[in-house]
């Protein structure tokens, strides 16, 4: 009888521990990500931004993308559609930096992404983002190296990293949305979105 009691106690404790572990594993609710681009020159390989919709919200999410140069100036912005379990692949050279507002393509800068359940670009009159978790992203980075490597034509090498989770405060969100509106009003040339079932 003591053994049965001990076994029942052990099963109960394991069940509680499992339930607690499952309850604590709520996932990553990030809605704002940052990365960088570098060596954005014709002689170097092209960098890539890849974003997936993890399917948690089971619907369409939008990757609102804001591209800055190394002088902290917004050069391009766009809002790209990604369905549940979809993959968005964007070329830094062809999609994200090809038509900067001032006409000068920069060699390095910053890329910011908001995971949103609403589109926020020229198609909606720049409606505000509705930050919603569900996007995950990675970016390749073009590194300048002294010698040839197996990862790219000399003198360049490539690395890939997950986009860095960041904190999205109300002032930053409003600032990005306003900059994107001004960019469109001044240039009318937002960055472009490759359809999610295609590669650039």
N, C-alpha and C. Protein backbone atom coordinates (compact mmCIF):
# COMPACT_ATOMS: atom_id res chain seq x y z
N UNK A 1 0.82 -1.19 0.00
CA UNK A 1 0.00 0.00 0.00
C UNK A 1 0.86 1.26 0.00
N UNK A 2 1.99 1.20 0.76
CA UNK A 2 2.87 2.35 0.79
C UNK A 2 3.45 2.63 -0.59
N UNK A 3 3.79 1.56 -1.32
CA UNK A 3 4.35 1.74 -2.66
C UNK A 3 3.33 2.41 -3.59
N UNK A 4 2.09 1.98 -3.51
CA UNK A 4 1.04 2.55 -4.35
C UNK A 4 0.86 4.03 -4.04
N UNK A 5 0.87 4.35 -2.76
CA UNK A 5 0.76 5.75 -2.35
C UNK A 5 1.92 6.58 -2.88
N UNK A 6 3.13 6.02 -2.78
CA UNK A 6 4.31 6.72 -3.28
C UNK A 6 4.24 6.93 -4.78
N UNK A 7 3.79 5.90 -5.52
CA UNK A 7 3.66 6.01 -6.98
C UNK A 7 2.63 7.06 -7.37
N UNK A 8 1.49 7.07 -6.65
CA UNK A 8 0.47 8.08 -6.93
C UNK A 8 1.00 9.48 -6.65
N UNK A 9 1.74 9.63 -5.54
CA UNK A 9 2.34 10.92 -5.20
C UNK A 9 3.32 11.36 -6.28
N UNK A 10 4.15 10.40 -6.76
CA UNK A 10 5.14 10.70 -7.79
C UNK A 10 4.47 11.12 -9.09
N UNK A 11 3.42 10.41 -9.51
CA UNK A 11 2.68 10.76 -10.72
C UNK A 11 2.05 12.14 -10.58
N UNK A 12 1.47 12.44 -9.41
CA UNK A 12 0.86 13.74 -9.17
C UNK A 12 1.90 14.85 -9.26
N UNK A 13 3.05 14.64 -8.65
CA UNK A 13 4.11 15.66 -8.67
C UNK A 13 4.64 15.88 -10.09
N UNK A 14 4.82 14.80 -10.84
CA UNK A 14 5.28 14.93 -12.22
C UNK A 14 4.25 15.68 -13.06
N UNK A 15 2.98 15.40 -12.83
CA UNK A 15 1.93 16.11 -13.56
C UNK A 15 1.93 17.59 -13.25
N UNK A 16 2.09 17.92 -11.96
CA UNK A 16 2.14 19.34 -11.57
C UNK A 16 3.36 20.01 -12.18
N UNK A 17 4.51 19.32 -12.13
CA UNK A 17 5.74 19.88 -12.70
C UNK A 17 5.60 20.09 -14.20
N UNK A 18 4.99 19.11 -14.87
CA UNK A 18 4.80 19.23 -16.32
C UNK A 18 3.86 20.38 -16.65
N UNK A 19 2.79 20.50 -15.88
CA UNK A 19 1.84 21.59 -16.12
C UNK A 19 2.48 22.93 -15.89
N UNK A 20 3.31 23.01 -14.83
CA UNK A 20 4.01 24.26 -14.55
C UNK A 20 4.97 24.60 -15.67
N UNK A 21 5.70 23.59 -16.17
CA UNK A 21 6.65 23.83 -17.25
C UNK A 21 5.93 24.29 -18.51
N UNK A 22 4.78 23.64 -18.79
CA UNK A 22 4.03 24.05 -19.97
C UNK A 22 3.48 25.45 -19.80
N UNK A 23 3.00 25.77 -18.61
CA UNK A 23 2.45 27.10 -18.37
C UNK A 23 3.51 28.17 -18.50
N UNK A 24 4.75 27.86 -18.10
CA UNK A 24 5.81 28.84 -18.18
C UNK A 24 6.35 29.00 -19.60
N UNK A 25 6.14 28.01 -20.45
CA UNK A 25 6.66 28.05 -21.80
C UNK A 25 5.64 28.74 -22.72
N UNK A 26 5.51 30.05 -22.56
CA UNK A 26 4.50 30.80 -23.31
C UNK A 26 5.05 31.39 -24.60
N UNK A 27 6.30 31.16 -24.89
CA UNK A 27 6.85 31.66 -26.14
C UNK A 27 7.38 33.07 -26.02
N UNK A 28 7.84 33.57 -27.14
CA UNK A 28 8.42 34.90 -27.21
C UNK A 28 7.39 35.85 -27.80
N UNK A 29 7.01 36.85 -27.05
CA UNK A 29 5.98 37.78 -27.50
C UNK A 29 6.57 39.06 -28.07
N UNK A 30 7.76 39.00 -28.62
CA UNK A 30 8.40 40.18 -29.18
C UNK A 30 7.65 40.69 -30.40
N UNK A 31 7.64 42.00 -30.56
CA UNK A 31 6.98 42.62 -31.71
C UNK A 31 7.91 43.57 -32.46
N UNK A 32 9.13 43.74 -31.96
CA UNK A 32 10.04 44.75 -32.54
C UNK A 32 11.45 44.18 -32.60
N UNK A 33 12.07 44.29 -33.77
CA UNK A 33 13.37 43.67 -34.01
C UNK A 33 14.29 44.63 -34.75
N UNK A 34 15.59 44.49 -34.51
CA UNK A 34 16.57 45.32 -35.22
C UNK A 34 17.73 44.46 -35.71
N UNK A 35 18.37 44.93 -36.77
CA UNK A 35 19.60 44.33 -37.28
C UNK A 35 20.35 45.42 -38.03
N UNK A 36 21.44 45.04 -38.68
CA UNK A 36 22.22 46.00 -39.45
C UNK A 36 22.53 45.43 -40.82
N UNK A 37 22.93 46.29 -41.73
CA UNK A 37 23.49 45.85 -43.00
C UNK A 37 24.82 46.58 -43.19
N UNK A 38 25.75 45.93 -43.91
CA UNK A 38 27.08 46.51 -44.11
C UNK A 38 27.63 46.03 -45.45
N UNK A 39 28.61 46.75 -45.95
CA UNK A 39 29.27 46.41 -47.22
C UNK A 39 28.25 46.23 -48.35
N UNK A 40 27.31 47.15 -48.40
CA UNK A 40 26.27 47.15 -49.42
C UNK A 40 26.82 47.80 -50.69
N UNK A 41 27.73 47.07 -51.36
CA UNK A 41 28.39 47.57 -52.57
C UNK A 41 28.28 46.51 -53.66
N UNK A 42 28.39 46.94 -54.91
CA UNK A 42 28.20 46.04 -56.05
C UNK A 42 29.18 44.87 -56.04
N UNK A 43 30.40 45.08 -55.57
CA UNK A 43 31.41 44.01 -55.60
C UNK A 43 31.16 42.92 -54.56
N UNK A 44 30.34 43.22 -53.57
CA UNK A 44 30.10 42.28 -52.47
C UNK A 44 28.84 41.45 -52.73
N UNK A 45 28.71 40.31 -52.07
CA UNK A 45 27.45 39.56 -52.16
C UNK A 45 26.30 40.39 -51.58
N UNK A 46 25.09 40.07 -51.97
CA UNK A 46 23.91 40.75 -51.47
C UNK A 46 23.52 40.17 -50.11
N UNK A 47 23.10 41.02 -49.20
CA UNK A 47 22.61 40.56 -47.90
C UNK A 47 21.11 40.24 -48.02
N UNK A 48 20.61 39.45 -47.09
CA UNK A 48 19.22 39.00 -47.13
C UNK A 48 18.56 39.18 -45.77
N UNK A 49 17.31 39.63 -45.80
CA UNK A 49 16.46 39.68 -44.62
C UNK A 49 15.37 38.64 -44.82
N UNK A 50 15.25 37.67 -43.90
CA UNK A 50 14.22 36.64 -44.00
C UNK A 50 13.36 36.70 -42.74
N UNK A 51 12.03 36.69 -42.96
CA UNK A 51 11.09 36.77 -41.85
C UNK A 51 10.01 35.70 -42.03
N UNK A 52 9.69 34.99 -40.96
CA UNK A 52 8.64 33.99 -41.00
C UNK A 52 7.50 34.39 -40.06
N UNK A 53 6.29 33.98 -40.42
CA UNK A 53 5.13 34.11 -39.56
C UNK A 53 4.99 32.77 -38.85
N UNK A 54 5.16 32.74 -37.54
CA UNK A 54 5.18 31.46 -36.82
C UNK A 54 3.82 30.78 -36.73
N UNK A 55 2.76 31.42 -37.21
CA UNK A 55 1.45 30.79 -37.26
C UNK A 55 0.66 30.86 -35.97
N UNK A 56 1.22 31.46 -34.91
CA UNK A 56 0.54 31.49 -33.63
C UNK A 56 -0.78 32.24 -33.69
N UNK A 57 -0.82 33.32 -34.46
CA UNK A 57 -2.06 34.11 -34.58
C UNK A 57 -2.96 33.57 -35.67
N UNK A 58 -2.49 32.59 -36.43
CA UNK A 58 -3.22 31.94 -37.51
C UNK A 58 -3.89 32.96 -38.43
N UNK A 59 -3.08 33.76 -39.03
CA UNK A 59 -3.60 34.75 -39.97
C UNK A 59 -2.47 35.54 -40.57
N UNK A 60 -2.82 36.60 -41.25
CA UNK A 60 -1.84 37.45 -41.90
C UNK A 60 -1.22 38.40 -40.89
N UNK A 61 0.10 38.51 -40.94
CA UNK A 61 0.82 39.54 -40.21
C UNK A 61 1.58 40.38 -41.23
N UNK A 62 1.97 41.55 -40.82
CA UNK A 62 2.72 42.46 -41.68
C UNK A 62 4.06 42.75 -41.03
N UNK A 63 5.11 42.67 -41.82
CA UNK A 63 6.44 43.08 -41.37
C UNK A 63 6.63 44.53 -41.82
N UNK A 64 6.47 45.44 -40.90
CA UNK A 64 6.70 46.86 -41.22
C UNK A 64 8.19 47.10 -41.08
N UNK A 65 8.83 47.40 -42.22
CA UNK A 65 10.29 47.48 -42.30
C UNK A 65 10.73 48.93 -42.47
N UNK A 66 11.69 49.34 -41.65
CA UNK A 66 12.22 50.71 -41.68
C UNK A 66 13.74 50.62 -41.85
N UNK A 67 14.26 51.23 -42.91
CA UNK A 67 15.69 51.14 -43.22
C UNK A 67 16.34 52.51 -42.98
N UNK A 68 17.38 52.51 -42.17
CA UNK A 68 18.12 53.73 -41.85
C UNK A 68 19.53 53.62 -42.39
N UNK A 69 20.13 54.77 -42.73
CA UNK A 69 21.54 54.76 -43.10
C UNK A 69 22.38 54.94 -41.84
N UNK A 70 23.69 54.98 -42.00
CA UNK A 70 24.56 55.08 -40.82
C UNK A 70 24.61 56.49 -40.24
N UNK A 71 23.84 57.42 -40.82
CA UNK A 71 23.71 58.77 -40.25
C UNK A 71 22.36 58.93 -39.55
N UNK A 72 21.71 57.82 -39.26
CA UNK A 72 20.44 57.78 -38.53
C UNK A 72 19.28 58.40 -39.30
N UNK A 73 19.37 58.41 -40.62
CA UNK A 73 18.29 58.96 -41.44
C UNK A 73 17.52 57.83 -42.11
N UNK A 74 16.19 57.90 -42.04
CA UNK A 74 15.37 56.91 -42.72
C UNK A 74 15.57 57.05 -44.22
N UNK A 75 15.84 55.94 -44.90
CA UNK A 75 16.02 55.99 -46.35
C UNK A 75 14.87 55.33 -47.09
N UNK A 76 14.26 54.28 -46.50
CA UNK A 76 13.13 53.59 -47.13
C UNK A 76 12.31 52.90 -46.05
N UNK A 77 11.04 52.60 -46.41
CA UNK A 77 10.17 51.86 -45.50
C UNK A 77 9.09 51.17 -46.33
N UNK A 78 8.55 50.08 -45.79
CA UNK A 78 7.45 49.38 -46.44
C UNK A 78 6.83 48.41 -45.44
N UNK A 79 5.66 47.89 -45.78
CA UNK A 79 4.95 46.93 -44.94
C UNK A 79 4.66 45.71 -45.79
N UNK A 80 5.27 44.57 -45.44
CA UNK A 80 5.19 43.36 -46.27
C UNK A 80 4.31 42.30 -45.62
N UNK A 81 3.43 41.72 -46.41
CA UNK A 81 2.45 40.73 -45.96
C UNK A 81 3.09 39.35 -45.82
N UNK A 82 2.79 38.66 -44.69
CA UNK A 82 3.26 37.29 -44.48
C UNK A 82 2.11 36.49 -43.88
N UNK A 83 1.68 35.44 -44.57
CA UNK A 83 0.61 34.60 -44.05
C UNK A 83 1.16 33.61 -43.02
N UNK A 84 0.26 32.95 -42.30
CA UNK A 84 0.68 31.98 -41.28
C UNK A 84 1.57 30.92 -41.91
N UNK A 85 2.71 30.67 -41.29
CA UNK A 85 3.72 29.71 -41.74
C UNK A 85 4.41 30.14 -43.04
N UNK A 86 4.25 31.39 -43.42
CA UNK A 86 4.88 31.91 -44.64
C UNK A 86 6.28 32.43 -44.39
N UNK A 87 7.05 32.53 -45.47
CA UNK A 87 8.42 33.02 -45.43
C UNK A 87 8.56 34.21 -46.38
N UNK A 88 9.06 35.32 -45.87
CA UNK A 88 9.36 36.51 -46.66
C UNK A 88 10.87 36.61 -46.82
N UNK A 89 11.35 36.71 -48.04
CA UNK A 89 12.79 36.85 -48.30
C UNK A 89 13.04 38.15 -49.05
N UNK A 90 13.78 39.05 -48.43
CA UNK A 90 14.03 40.37 -49.02
C UNK A 90 15.52 40.58 -49.26
N UNK A 91 15.84 41.06 -50.45
CA UNK A 91 17.20 41.44 -50.78
C UNK A 91 17.48 42.82 -50.21
N UNK A 92 18.57 42.96 -49.48
CA UNK A 92 18.92 44.29 -48.95
C UNK A 92 19.21 45.24 -50.12
N UNK A 93 19.90 44.75 -51.13
CA UNK A 93 20.28 45.61 -52.26
C UNK A 93 19.09 45.92 -53.19
N UNK A 94 18.30 44.90 -53.54
CA UNK A 94 17.23 45.10 -54.54
C UNK A 94 15.91 45.59 -53.94
N UNK A 95 15.60 45.18 -52.71
CA UNK A 95 14.30 45.52 -52.12
C UNK A 95 14.36 46.65 -51.09
N UNK A 96 15.41 46.66 -50.27
CA UNK A 96 15.40 47.54 -49.10
C UNK A 96 16.23 48.81 -49.23
N UNK A 97 17.17 48.85 -50.17
CA UNK A 97 18.03 50.05 -50.28
C UNK A 97 18.11 50.59 -51.71
N UNK A 98 17.29 50.10 -52.62
CA UNK A 98 17.42 50.46 -54.05
C UNK A 98 16.93 51.86 -54.37
N UNK A 99 15.96 52.38 -53.63
CA UNK A 99 15.39 53.70 -53.96
C UNK A 99 15.35 54.60 -52.72
N UNK A 100 16.51 55.00 -52.20
CA UNK A 100 16.52 55.83 -51.00
C UNK A 100 15.94 57.22 -51.27
N UNK A 101 15.40 57.81 -50.23
CA UNK A 101 14.73 59.10 -50.35
C UNK A 101 15.65 60.19 -50.91
N UNK A 102 16.93 60.16 -50.55
CA UNK A 102 17.85 61.20 -51.02
C UNK A 102 18.64 60.78 -52.26
N UNK A 103 18.36 59.59 -52.79
CA UNK A 103 19.02 59.13 -54.01
C UNK A 103 20.40 58.53 -53.81
N UNK A 104 20.91 58.58 -52.59
CA UNK A 104 22.26 58.07 -52.31
C UNK A 104 22.16 56.73 -51.59
N UNK A 105 22.58 55.65 -52.25
CA UNK A 105 22.56 54.33 -51.63
C UNK A 105 23.73 54.20 -50.67
N UNK A 106 23.42 53.92 -49.42
CA UNK A 106 24.44 53.84 -48.38
C UNK A 106 25.02 52.44 -48.28
N UNK A 107 26.26 52.36 -47.83
CA UNK A 107 26.92 51.06 -47.72
C UNK A 107 26.60 50.34 -46.42
N UNK A 108 26.10 51.06 -45.42
CA UNK A 108 25.79 50.42 -44.15
C UNK A 108 24.68 51.19 -43.42
N UNK A 109 23.98 50.46 -42.55
CA UNK A 109 22.91 51.10 -41.80
C UNK A 109 22.17 50.12 -40.91
N UNK A 110 20.95 50.49 -40.56
CA UNK A 110 20.14 49.76 -39.59
C UNK A 110 18.80 49.40 -40.21
N UNK A 111 18.30 48.20 -39.91
CA UNK A 111 16.98 47.77 -40.35
C UNK A 111 16.15 47.46 -39.10
N UNK A 112 14.95 48.05 -39.03
CA UNK A 112 14.03 47.83 -37.92
C UNK A 112 12.76 47.20 -38.46
N UNK A 113 12.17 46.28 -37.70
CA UNK A 113 10.97 45.57 -38.14
C UNK A 113 9.96 45.54 -36.99
N UNK A 114 8.71 45.93 -37.31
CA UNK A 114 7.60 45.79 -36.36
C UNK A 114 6.69 44.66 -36.86
N UNK A 115 6.38 43.73 -35.98
CA UNK A 115 5.42 42.67 -36.28
C UNK A 115 4.03 43.23 -36.00
N UNK A 116 3.21 43.36 -37.06
CA UNK A 116 1.93 44.05 -36.94
C UNK A 116 0.80 43.23 -37.57
N UNK A 117 -0.39 43.35 -37.00
CA UNK A 117 -1.56 42.69 -37.59
C UNK A 117 -2.26 43.60 -38.59
N UNK A 118 -1.75 44.81 -38.78
CA UNK A 118 -2.29 45.73 -39.77
C UNK A 118 -1.19 46.26 -40.66
N UNK A 119 -1.54 46.56 -41.89
CA UNK A 119 -0.58 47.11 -42.85
C UNK A 119 -0.38 48.59 -42.56
N UNK A 120 0.85 49.06 -42.65
CA UNK A 120 1.13 50.46 -42.37
C UNK A 120 2.03 51.02 -43.45
N UNK A 121 1.47 51.27 -44.64
CA UNK A 121 2.26 51.90 -45.69
C UNK A 121 1.35 52.61 -46.67
N UNK A 122 1.87 52.89 -47.86
CA UNK A 122 1.15 53.68 -48.85
C UNK A 122 -0.20 53.08 -49.20
N UNK A 123 -0.36 51.77 -49.12
CA UNK A 123 -1.63 51.12 -49.48
C UNK A 123 -2.75 51.43 -48.50
N UNK A 124 -2.43 51.84 -47.29
CA UNK A 124 -3.45 52.11 -46.27
C UNK A 124 -3.46 53.56 -45.84
N UNK A 125 -2.75 54.41 -46.54
CA UNK A 125 -2.64 55.79 -46.09
C UNK A 125 -1.86 55.90 -44.80
N UNK A 126 -0.96 54.94 -44.58
CA UNK A 126 -0.08 54.92 -43.41
C UNK A 126 -0.87 54.82 -42.12
N UNK A 127 -1.78 53.84 -42.06
CA UNK A 127 -2.47 53.53 -40.81
C UNK A 127 -1.44 53.09 -39.79
N UNK A 128 -1.70 53.34 -38.51
CA UNK A 128 -0.74 52.92 -37.48
C UNK A 128 -0.57 51.40 -37.45
N UNK A 129 0.61 50.95 -37.06
CA UNK A 129 0.84 49.53 -36.82
C UNK A 129 0.01 49.08 -35.63
N UNK A 130 -0.39 47.81 -35.65
CA UNK A 130 -0.99 47.17 -34.48
C UNK A 130 -0.03 46.07 -34.05
N UNK A 131 0.93 46.40 -33.16
CA UNK A 131 1.95 45.41 -32.79
C UNK A 131 1.33 44.10 -32.31
N UNK A 132 1.72 43.01 -32.97
CA UNK A 132 1.18 41.68 -32.69
C UNK A 132 2.31 40.66 -32.78
N UNK A 133 2.57 39.87 -31.74
CA UNK A 133 3.64 38.87 -31.82
C UNK A 133 3.35 37.84 -32.90
N UNK A 134 4.42 37.26 -33.43
CA UNK A 134 4.26 36.18 -34.40
C UNK A 134 5.30 36.14 -35.49
N UNK A 135 6.06 37.21 -35.66
CA UNK A 135 7.10 37.19 -36.67
C UNK A 135 8.45 36.86 -36.03
N UNK A 136 9.27 36.13 -36.77
CA UNK A 136 10.65 35.82 -36.38
C UNK A 136 11.52 36.11 -37.59
N UNK A 137 12.71 36.61 -37.37
CA UNK A 137 13.53 36.98 -38.52
C UNK A 137 15.01 36.72 -38.34
N UNK A 138 15.70 36.63 -39.49
CA UNK A 138 17.15 36.44 -39.56
C UNK A 138 17.69 37.33 -40.67
N UNK A 139 18.94 37.68 -40.56
CA UNK A 139 19.57 38.51 -41.60
C UNK A 139 20.98 38.01 -41.85
N UNK A 140 21.37 38.00 -43.12
CA UNK A 140 22.77 37.73 -43.44
C UNK A 140 23.51 39.06 -43.40
N UNK A 141 24.77 38.99 -43.03
CA UNK A 141 25.61 40.18 -42.94
C UNK A 141 26.85 39.96 -43.78
N UNK A 142 27.21 40.95 -44.55
CA UNK A 142 28.39 40.86 -45.40
C UNK A 142 29.56 41.48 -44.65
N UNK A 143 30.55 40.64 -44.37
CA UNK A 143 31.71 41.08 -43.60
C UNK A 143 32.90 41.25 -44.53
N UNK A 144 33.67 42.28 -44.29
CA UNK A 144 34.89 42.52 -45.06
C UNK A 144 36.03 41.77 -44.38
N UNK A 145 36.75 40.94 -45.16
CA UNK A 145 37.85 40.16 -44.60
C UNK A 145 39.09 40.34 -45.46
N UNK A 146 40.21 40.06 -44.88
CA UNK A 146 41.47 40.28 -45.59
C UNK A 146 41.74 39.19 -46.62
N UNK A 147 41.34 37.96 -46.34
CA UNK A 147 41.65 36.84 -47.22
C UNK A 147 40.38 36.16 -47.71
N UNK A 148 40.51 35.39 -48.77
CA UNK A 148 39.37 34.65 -49.31
C UNK A 148 38.89 33.63 -48.29
N UNK A 149 37.58 33.41 -48.24
CA UNK A 149 36.99 32.42 -47.34
C UNK A 149 36.02 31.57 -48.13
N UNK A 150 35.59 30.44 -47.59
CA UNK A 150 34.61 29.61 -48.29
C UNK A 150 33.19 30.18 -48.24
N UNK A 151 32.99 31.29 -47.53
CA UNK A 151 31.64 31.81 -47.33
C UNK A 151 31.29 32.98 -48.24
N UNK A 152 32.11 33.30 -49.19
CA UNK A 152 31.81 34.41 -50.10
C UNK A 152 33.04 34.82 -50.86
N UNK A 153 32.84 35.57 -51.95
CA UNK A 153 34.00 35.98 -52.74
C UNK A 153 34.89 36.95 -51.96
N UNK A 154 36.18 36.76 -52.08
CA UNK A 154 37.12 37.66 -51.41
C UNK A 154 36.92 39.06 -51.97
N UNK A 155 37.06 40.10 -51.19
CA UNK A 155 37.44 40.07 -49.77
C UNK A 155 36.25 40.10 -48.82
N UNK A 156 35.19 39.35 -49.11
CA UNK A 156 33.99 39.38 -48.28
C UNK A 156 33.62 37.99 -47.75
N UNK A 157 33.00 38.00 -46.59
CA UNK A 157 32.49 36.79 -45.98
C UNK A 157 31.06 37.07 -45.54
N UNK A 158 30.27 36.01 -45.32
CA UNK A 158 28.89 36.19 -44.89
C UNK A 158 28.65 35.51 -43.55
N UNK A 159 27.87 36.16 -42.73
CA UNK A 159 27.41 35.58 -41.47
C UNK A 159 25.88 35.74 -41.43
N UNK A 160 25.24 34.99 -40.55
CA UNK A 160 23.79 35.13 -40.39
C UNK A 160 23.44 35.11 -38.92
N UNK A 161 22.55 36.01 -38.52
CA UNK A 161 22.13 36.12 -37.13
C UNK A 161 20.63 36.31 -37.06
N UNK A 162 20.06 35.91 -35.93
CA UNK A 162 18.66 36.18 -35.66
C UNK A 162 18.51 37.68 -35.41
N UNK A 163 17.39 38.25 -35.82
CA UNK A 163 17.13 39.67 -35.53
C UNK A 163 17.08 39.85 -34.01
N UNK A 164 17.62 40.96 -33.55
CA UNK A 164 17.67 41.23 -32.11
C UNK A 164 16.33 41.75 -31.61
N UNK A 165 15.80 41.10 -30.55
CA UNK A 165 14.57 41.59 -29.92
C UNK A 165 14.85 42.96 -29.31
N UNK A 166 13.91 43.87 -29.48
CA UNK A 166 14.08 45.22 -28.94
C UNK A 166 12.79 45.66 -28.28
N UNK A 167 12.86 46.77 -27.56
CA UNK A 167 11.68 47.31 -26.88
C UNK A 167 11.04 48.38 -27.75
N UNK A 168 9.76 48.25 -28.01
CA UNK A 168 9.03 49.22 -28.82
C UNK A 168 8.15 50.09 -27.93
N UNK A 169 8.64 51.30 -27.66
CA UNK A 169 7.85 52.25 -26.89
C UNK A 169 6.94 53.05 -27.81
N UNK A 170 5.93 53.67 -27.23
CA UNK A 170 4.99 54.47 -28.02
C UNK A 170 5.69 55.59 -28.80
N UNK A 171 6.67 56.30 -28.22
CA UNK A 171 7.34 57.36 -28.99
C UNK A 171 8.09 56.81 -30.22
N UNK A 172 8.78 55.67 -30.07
CA UNK A 172 9.52 55.08 -31.18
C UNK A 172 8.55 54.62 -32.28
N UNK A 173 7.46 53.98 -31.88
CA UNK A 173 6.46 53.52 -32.85
C UNK A 173 5.91 54.69 -33.65
N UNK A 174 5.49 55.75 -32.97
CA UNK A 174 4.94 56.93 -33.65
C UNK A 174 5.99 57.60 -34.53
N UNK A 175 7.23 57.65 -34.05
CA UNK A 175 8.33 58.27 -34.82
C UNK A 175 8.57 57.51 -36.12
N UNK A 176 8.63 56.18 -36.06
CA UNK A 176 8.84 55.39 -37.26
C UNK A 176 7.70 55.57 -38.26
N UNK A 177 6.48 55.56 -37.76
CA UNK A 177 5.32 55.72 -38.65
C UNK A 177 5.30 57.09 -39.31
N UNK A 178 5.65 58.13 -38.57
CA UNK A 178 5.68 59.48 -39.14
C UNK A 178 6.81 59.62 -40.17
N UNK A 179 7.98 59.08 -39.84
CA UNK A 179 9.08 59.13 -40.80
C UNK A 179 8.71 58.43 -42.10
N UNK A 180 8.04 57.29 -42.00
CA UNK A 180 7.65 56.55 -43.18
C UNK A 180 6.64 57.34 -44.02
N UNK A 181 5.71 58.00 -43.37
CA UNK A 181 4.75 58.85 -44.07
C UNK A 181 5.49 59.97 -44.81
N UNK A 182 6.40 60.65 -44.14
CA UNK A 182 7.16 61.73 -44.78
C UNK A 182 8.00 61.21 -45.94
N UNK A 183 8.59 60.02 -45.76
CA UNK A 183 9.39 59.42 -46.82
C UNK A 183 8.54 59.25 -48.08
N UNK A 184 7.34 58.72 -47.90
CA UNK A 184 6.48 58.52 -49.06
C UNK A 184 6.03 59.84 -49.68
N UNK A 185 5.71 60.83 -48.85
CA UNK A 185 5.28 62.12 -49.37
C UNK A 185 6.40 62.81 -50.15
N UNK A 186 7.64 62.64 -49.68
CA UNK A 186 8.77 63.31 -50.33
C UNK A 186 9.29 62.55 -51.55
N UNK A 187 9.29 61.23 -51.47
CA UNK A 187 9.90 60.47 -52.56
C UNK A 187 8.91 59.61 -53.34
N UNK A 188 7.88 59.11 -52.67
CA UNK A 188 6.95 58.21 -53.31
C UNK A 188 7.57 56.89 -53.73
N UNK A 189 8.70 56.53 -53.12
CA UNK A 189 9.42 55.30 -53.48
C UNK A 189 9.67 54.44 -52.25
N UNK A 190 8.66 53.73 -51.79
CA UNK A 190 8.89 52.84 -50.64
C UNK A 190 9.74 51.64 -51.05
N UNK A 191 10.30 50.97 -50.06
CA UNK A 191 10.99 49.72 -50.39
C UNK A 191 9.97 48.73 -50.93
N UNK A 192 10.43 47.70 -51.58
CA UNK A 192 9.51 46.76 -52.23
C UNK A 192 9.47 45.43 -51.48
N UNK A 193 8.36 44.73 -51.62
CA UNK A 193 8.16 43.44 -50.95
C UNK A 193 8.15 42.33 -51.99
N UNK A 194 9.02 41.36 -51.84
CA UNK A 194 8.97 40.17 -52.67
C UNK A 194 7.82 39.30 -52.20
N UNK A 195 6.97 38.80 -53.10
CA UNK A 195 5.89 37.90 -52.65
C UNK A 195 6.46 36.73 -51.85
N UNK A 196 5.75 36.31 -50.83
CA UNK A 196 6.32 35.33 -49.90
C UNK A 196 6.59 33.96 -50.52
N UNK A 197 5.97 33.66 -51.67
CA UNK A 197 6.24 32.36 -52.29
C UNK A 197 7.36 32.44 -53.31
N UNK A 198 8.07 33.55 -53.35
CA UNK A 198 9.15 33.73 -54.32
C UNK A 198 10.42 34.18 -53.61
N UNK A 199 11.55 33.98 -54.27
CA UNK A 199 12.80 34.54 -53.78
C UNK A 199 13.13 35.72 -54.69
N UNK A 200 13.84 36.68 -54.19
CA UNK A 200 14.13 37.90 -54.94
C UNK A 200 15.05 37.63 -56.11
